[in-house]
Amino acid sequence: MVLAIAILIISIIIAILYIPKLKKQQETKTILVFSILLLIGTALNMGIALKINIPSPLDFITFIFTPIKDFIVSLTK
């Protein structure tokens, strides 16, 4: 729990440091992308800190391509 709070505090500090600089340069699209990526990274790291099972992207890729592989193998037999 302490680690999750530390991750949240560090993410808030990063946002406080970078967003005003981007606002000054009128980088609205960059602020949006930065905020989304920071939010995703913070959520994933907090999930890891709280020992939540986060599936690997490889699981999804395996789910998609296993039937395709099986089909191709069945054609070669």
N, C-alpha and C. Protein backbone atom coordinates (compact mmCIF):
# COMPACT_ATOMS: atom_id res chain seq x y z
N MET A 1 0.82 -1.19 0.00
CA MET A 1 0.00 0.00 0.00
C MET A 1 0.86 1.26 0.00
N VAL A 2 1.94 1.22 0.78
CA VAL A 2 2.85 2.37 0.85
C VAL A 2 3.50 2.60 -0.50
N LEU A 3 3.85 1.51 -1.19
CA LEU A 3 4.47 1.64 -2.50
C LEU A 3 3.52 2.26 -3.51
N ALA A 4 2.25 1.89 -3.45
CA ALA A 4 1.26 2.46 -4.36
C ALA A 4 1.09 3.96 -4.11
N ILE A 5 1.09 4.36 -2.86
CA ILE A 5 0.98 5.79 -2.53
C ILE A 5 2.22 6.53 -3.00
N ALA A 6 3.39 5.91 -2.86
CA ALA A 6 4.63 6.54 -3.33
C ALA A 6 4.61 6.72 -4.84
N ILE A 7 4.10 5.73 -5.56
CA ILE A 7 3.99 5.84 -7.02
C ILE A 7 3.05 6.98 -7.39
N LEU A 8 1.93 7.09 -6.68
CA LEU A 8 0.99 8.16 -6.95
C LEU A 8 1.61 9.53 -6.68
N ILE A 9 2.33 9.67 -5.60
CA ILE A 9 2.97 10.95 -5.27
C ILE A 9 4.02 11.31 -6.32
N ILE A 10 4.82 10.34 -6.74
CA ILE A 10 5.84 10.61 -7.76
C ILE A 10 5.18 11.02 -9.07
N SER A 11 4.09 10.38 -9.44
CA SER A 11 3.39 10.74 -10.67
C SER A 11 2.82 12.16 -10.59
N ILE A 12 2.30 12.53 -9.44
CA ILE A 12 1.78 13.89 -9.26
C ILE A 12 2.90 14.91 -9.36
N ILE A 13 4.06 14.60 -8.78
CA ILE A 13 5.20 15.50 -8.86
C ILE A 13 5.66 15.65 -10.31
N ILE A 14 5.70 14.57 -11.06
CA ILE A 14 6.09 14.63 -12.47
C ILE A 14 5.11 15.51 -13.24
N ALA A 15 3.82 15.34 -12.99
CA ALA A 15 2.82 16.16 -13.68
C ALA A 15 2.97 17.63 -13.31
N ILE A 16 3.20 17.92 -12.04
CA ILE A 16 3.35 19.31 -11.60
C ILE A 16 4.58 19.95 -12.24
N LEU A 17 5.63 19.17 -12.47
CA LEU A 17 6.85 19.72 -13.06
C LEU A 17 6.72 19.98 -14.56
N TYR A 18 6.04 19.09 -15.29
CA TYR A 18 6.05 19.18 -16.74
C TYR A 18 4.85 19.88 -17.36
N ILE A 19 3.68 19.77 -16.79
CA ILE A 19 2.49 20.36 -17.41
C ILE A 19 2.56 21.88 -17.48
N PRO A 20 3.02 22.61 -16.46
CA PRO A 20 3.12 24.07 -16.61
C PRO A 20 4.07 24.50 -17.74
N LYS A 21 5.17 23.76 -17.92
CA LYS A 21 6.08 24.09 -19.02
C LYS A 21 5.40 23.90 -20.36
N LEU A 22 4.62 22.84 -20.48
CA LEU A 22 3.91 22.58 -21.73
C LEU A 22 2.80 23.59 -21.96
N LYS A 23 2.13 24.04 -20.88
CA LYS A 23 1.09 25.06 -21.01
C LYS A 23 1.69 26.37 -21.49
N LYS A 24 2.87 26.69 -20.98
CA LYS A 24 3.53 27.94 -21.37
C LYS A 24 3.86 27.93 -22.87
N GLN A 25 4.20 26.77 -23.39
CA GLN A 25 4.52 26.62 -24.82
C GLN A 25 3.28 26.34 -25.66
N GLN A 26 2.12 26.32 -25.05
CA GLN A 26 0.82 26.06 -25.69
C GLN A 26 0.81 24.74 -26.46
N GLU A 27 1.30 23.72 -25.81
CA GLU A 27 1.35 22.36 -26.38
C GLU A 27 0.17 21.54 -25.86
N THR A 28 -1.02 21.85 -26.32
CA THR A 28 -2.20 21.18 -25.78
C THR A 28 -2.26 19.70 -26.15
N LYS A 29 -1.88 19.35 -27.37
CA LYS A 29 -1.90 17.95 -27.78
C LYS A 29 -0.86 17.15 -27.00
N THR A 30 0.29 17.76 -26.77
CA THR A 30 1.34 17.10 -26.01
C THR A 30 0.90 16.89 -24.56
N ILE A 31 0.21 17.86 -24.00
CA ILE A 31 -0.31 17.72 -22.63
C ILE A 31 -1.29 16.56 -22.56
N LEU A 32 -2.15 16.44 -23.55
CA LEU A 32 -3.14 15.36 -23.57
C LEU A 32 -2.46 14.00 -23.65
N VAL A 33 -1.52 13.84 -24.58
CA VAL A 33 -0.82 12.56 -24.73
C VAL A 33 0.01 12.26 -23.48
N PHE A 34 0.70 13.27 -22.96
CA PHE A 34 1.50 13.10 -21.74
C PHE A 34 0.63 12.64 -20.58
N SER A 35 -0.53 13.26 -20.43
CA SER A 35 -1.42 12.92 -19.32
C SER A 35 -1.96 11.50 -19.45
N ILE A 36 -2.33 11.12 -20.67
CA ILE A 36 -2.86 9.77 -20.88
C ILE A 36 -1.79 8.72 -20.59
N LEU A 37 -0.57 8.93 -21.12
CA LEU A 37 0.50 7.96 -20.89
C LEU A 37 0.91 7.90 -19.42
N LEU A 38 0.94 9.07 -18.76
CA LEU A 38 1.27 9.09 -17.34
C LEU A 38 0.20 8.36 -16.53
N LEU A 39 -1.05 8.55 -16.89
CA LEU A 39 -2.15 7.87 -16.20
C LEU A 39 -2.07 6.35 -16.39
N ILE A 40 -1.81 5.91 -17.62
CA ILE A 40 -1.69 4.48 -17.88
C ILE A 40 -0.51 3.88 -17.12
N GLY A 41 0.63 4.56 -17.18
CA GLY A 41 1.81 4.07 -16.47
C GLY A 41 1.61 4.02 -14.97
N THR A 42 0.97 5.05 -14.44
CA THR A 42 0.70 5.08 -13.00
C THR A 42 -0.25 3.94 -12.60
N ALA A 43 -1.30 3.75 -13.38
CA ALA A 43 -2.26 2.69 -13.06
C ALA A 43 -1.61 1.31 -13.12
N LEU A 44 -0.80 1.06 -14.14
CA LEU A 44 -0.15 -0.25 -14.24
C LEU A 44 0.85 -0.47 -13.11
N ASN A 45 1.62 0.55 -12.79
CA ASN A 45 2.58 0.40 -11.69
C ASN A 45 1.90 0.25 -10.34
N MET A 46 0.79 0.93 -10.13
CA MET A 46 0.06 0.76 -8.88
C MET A 46 -0.54 -0.65 -8.81
N GLY A 47 -0.99 -1.16 -9.95
CA GLY A 47 -1.50 -2.53 -9.98
C GLY A 47 -0.42 -3.54 -9.63
N ILE A 48 0.78 -3.32 -10.15
CA ILE A 48 1.89 -4.21 -9.81
C ILE A 48 2.24 -4.09 -8.34
N ALA A 49 2.24 -2.86 -7.81
CA ALA A 49 2.57 -2.64 -6.40
C ALA A 49 1.54 -3.30 -5.48
N LEU A 50 0.28 -3.32 -5.91
CA LEU A 50 -0.77 -3.94 -5.11
C LEU A 50 -0.95 -5.43 -5.41
N LYS A 51 -0.04 -5.98 -6.23
CA LYS A 51 -0.03 -7.40 -6.58
C LYS A 51 -1.31 -7.85 -7.27
N ILE A 52 -1.80 -7.00 -8.16
CA ILE A 52 -2.96 -7.35 -8.98
C ILE A 52 -2.44 -8.06 -10.23
N ASN A 53 -3.10 -9.14 -10.63
CA ASN A 53 -2.68 -9.89 -11.80
C ASN A 53 -2.99 -9.09 -13.06
N ILE A 54 -1.95 -8.61 -13.72
CA ILE A 54 -2.10 -7.85 -14.96
C ILE A 54 -1.67 -8.75 -16.10
N PRO A 55 -2.58 -9.04 -17.04
CA PRO A 55 -2.21 -9.95 -18.12
C PRO A 55 -1.17 -9.34 -19.06
N SER A 56 -0.36 -10.20 -19.61
CA SER A 56 0.67 -9.77 -20.53
C SER A 56 0.05 -9.53 -21.91
N PRO A 57 0.55 -8.57 -22.67
CA PRO A 57 0.06 -8.40 -24.04
C PRO A 57 0.33 -9.64 -24.90
N LEU A 58 1.32 -10.42 -24.52
CA LEU A 58 1.62 -11.64 -25.25
C LEU A 58 0.48 -12.65 -25.16
N ASP A 59 -0.26 -12.66 -24.07
CA ASP A 59 -1.41 -13.55 -23.94
C ASP A 59 -2.46 -13.25 -25.01
N PHE A 60 -2.71 -11.98 -25.26
CA PHE A 60 -3.68 -11.58 -26.29
C PHE A 60 -3.18 -11.98 -27.68
N ILE A 61 -1.90 -11.76 -27.95
CA ILE A 61 -1.34 -12.12 -29.25
C ILE A 61 -1.41 -13.63 -29.46
N THR A 62 -1.12 -14.40 -28.42
CA THR A 62 -1.21 -15.85 -28.50
C THR A 62 -2.64 -16.29 -28.75
N PHE A 63 -3.60 -15.64 -28.09
CA PHE A 63 -5.02 -15.96 -28.28
C PHE A 63 -5.44 -15.74 -29.73
N ILE A 64 -4.93 -14.69 -30.34
CA ILE A 64 -5.30 -14.37 -31.73
C ILE A 64 -4.65 -15.33 -32.72
N PHE A 65 -3.35 -15.59 -32.55
CA PHE A 65 -2.62 -16.31 -33.58
C PHE A 65 -2.60 -17.83 -33.43
N THR A 66 -3.00 -18.38 -32.31
CA THR A 66 -3.03 -19.83 -32.16
C THR A 66 -4.00 -20.49 -33.13
N PRO A 67 -5.23 -20.01 -33.31
CA PRO A 67 -6.10 -20.63 -34.31
C PRO A 67 -5.57 -20.50 -35.73
N ILE A 68 -4.92 -19.38 -36.02
CA ILE A 68 -4.36 -19.19 -37.36
C ILE A 68 -3.23 -20.20 -37.59
N LYS A 69 -2.38 -20.38 -36.59
CA LYS A 69 -1.29 -21.36 -36.69
C LYS A 69 -1.84 -22.77 -36.87
N ASP A 70 -2.86 -23.11 -36.10
CA ASP A 70 -3.46 -24.44 -36.20
C ASP A 70 -4.06 -24.67 -37.58
N PHE A 71 -4.67 -23.65 -38.15
CA PHE A 71 -5.25 -23.75 -39.48
C PHE A 71 -4.16 -23.99 -40.52
N ILE A 72 -3.07 -23.23 -40.44
CA ILE A 72 -1.98 -23.38 -41.40
C ILE A 72 -1.33 -24.76 -41.26
N VAL A 73 -1.16 -25.22 -40.03
CA VAL A 73 -0.59 -26.56 -39.82
C VAL A 73 -1.52 -27.62 -40.38
N SER A 74 -2.82 -27.45 -40.24
CA SER A 74 -3.76 -28.45 -40.77
C SER A 74 -3.74 -28.49 -42.31
N LEU A 75 -3.40 -27.37 -42.92
CA LEU A 75 -3.31 -27.35 -44.39
C LEU A 75 -2.08 -28.09 -44.89
N THR A 76 -1.04 -28.15 -44.10
CA THR A 76 0.19 -28.79 -44.53
C THR A 76 0.20 -30.30 -44.27
N LYS A 77 -0.79 -30.82 -43.58
CA LYS A 77 -0.84 -32.26 -43.31
C LYS A 77 -1.54 -33.01 -44.41
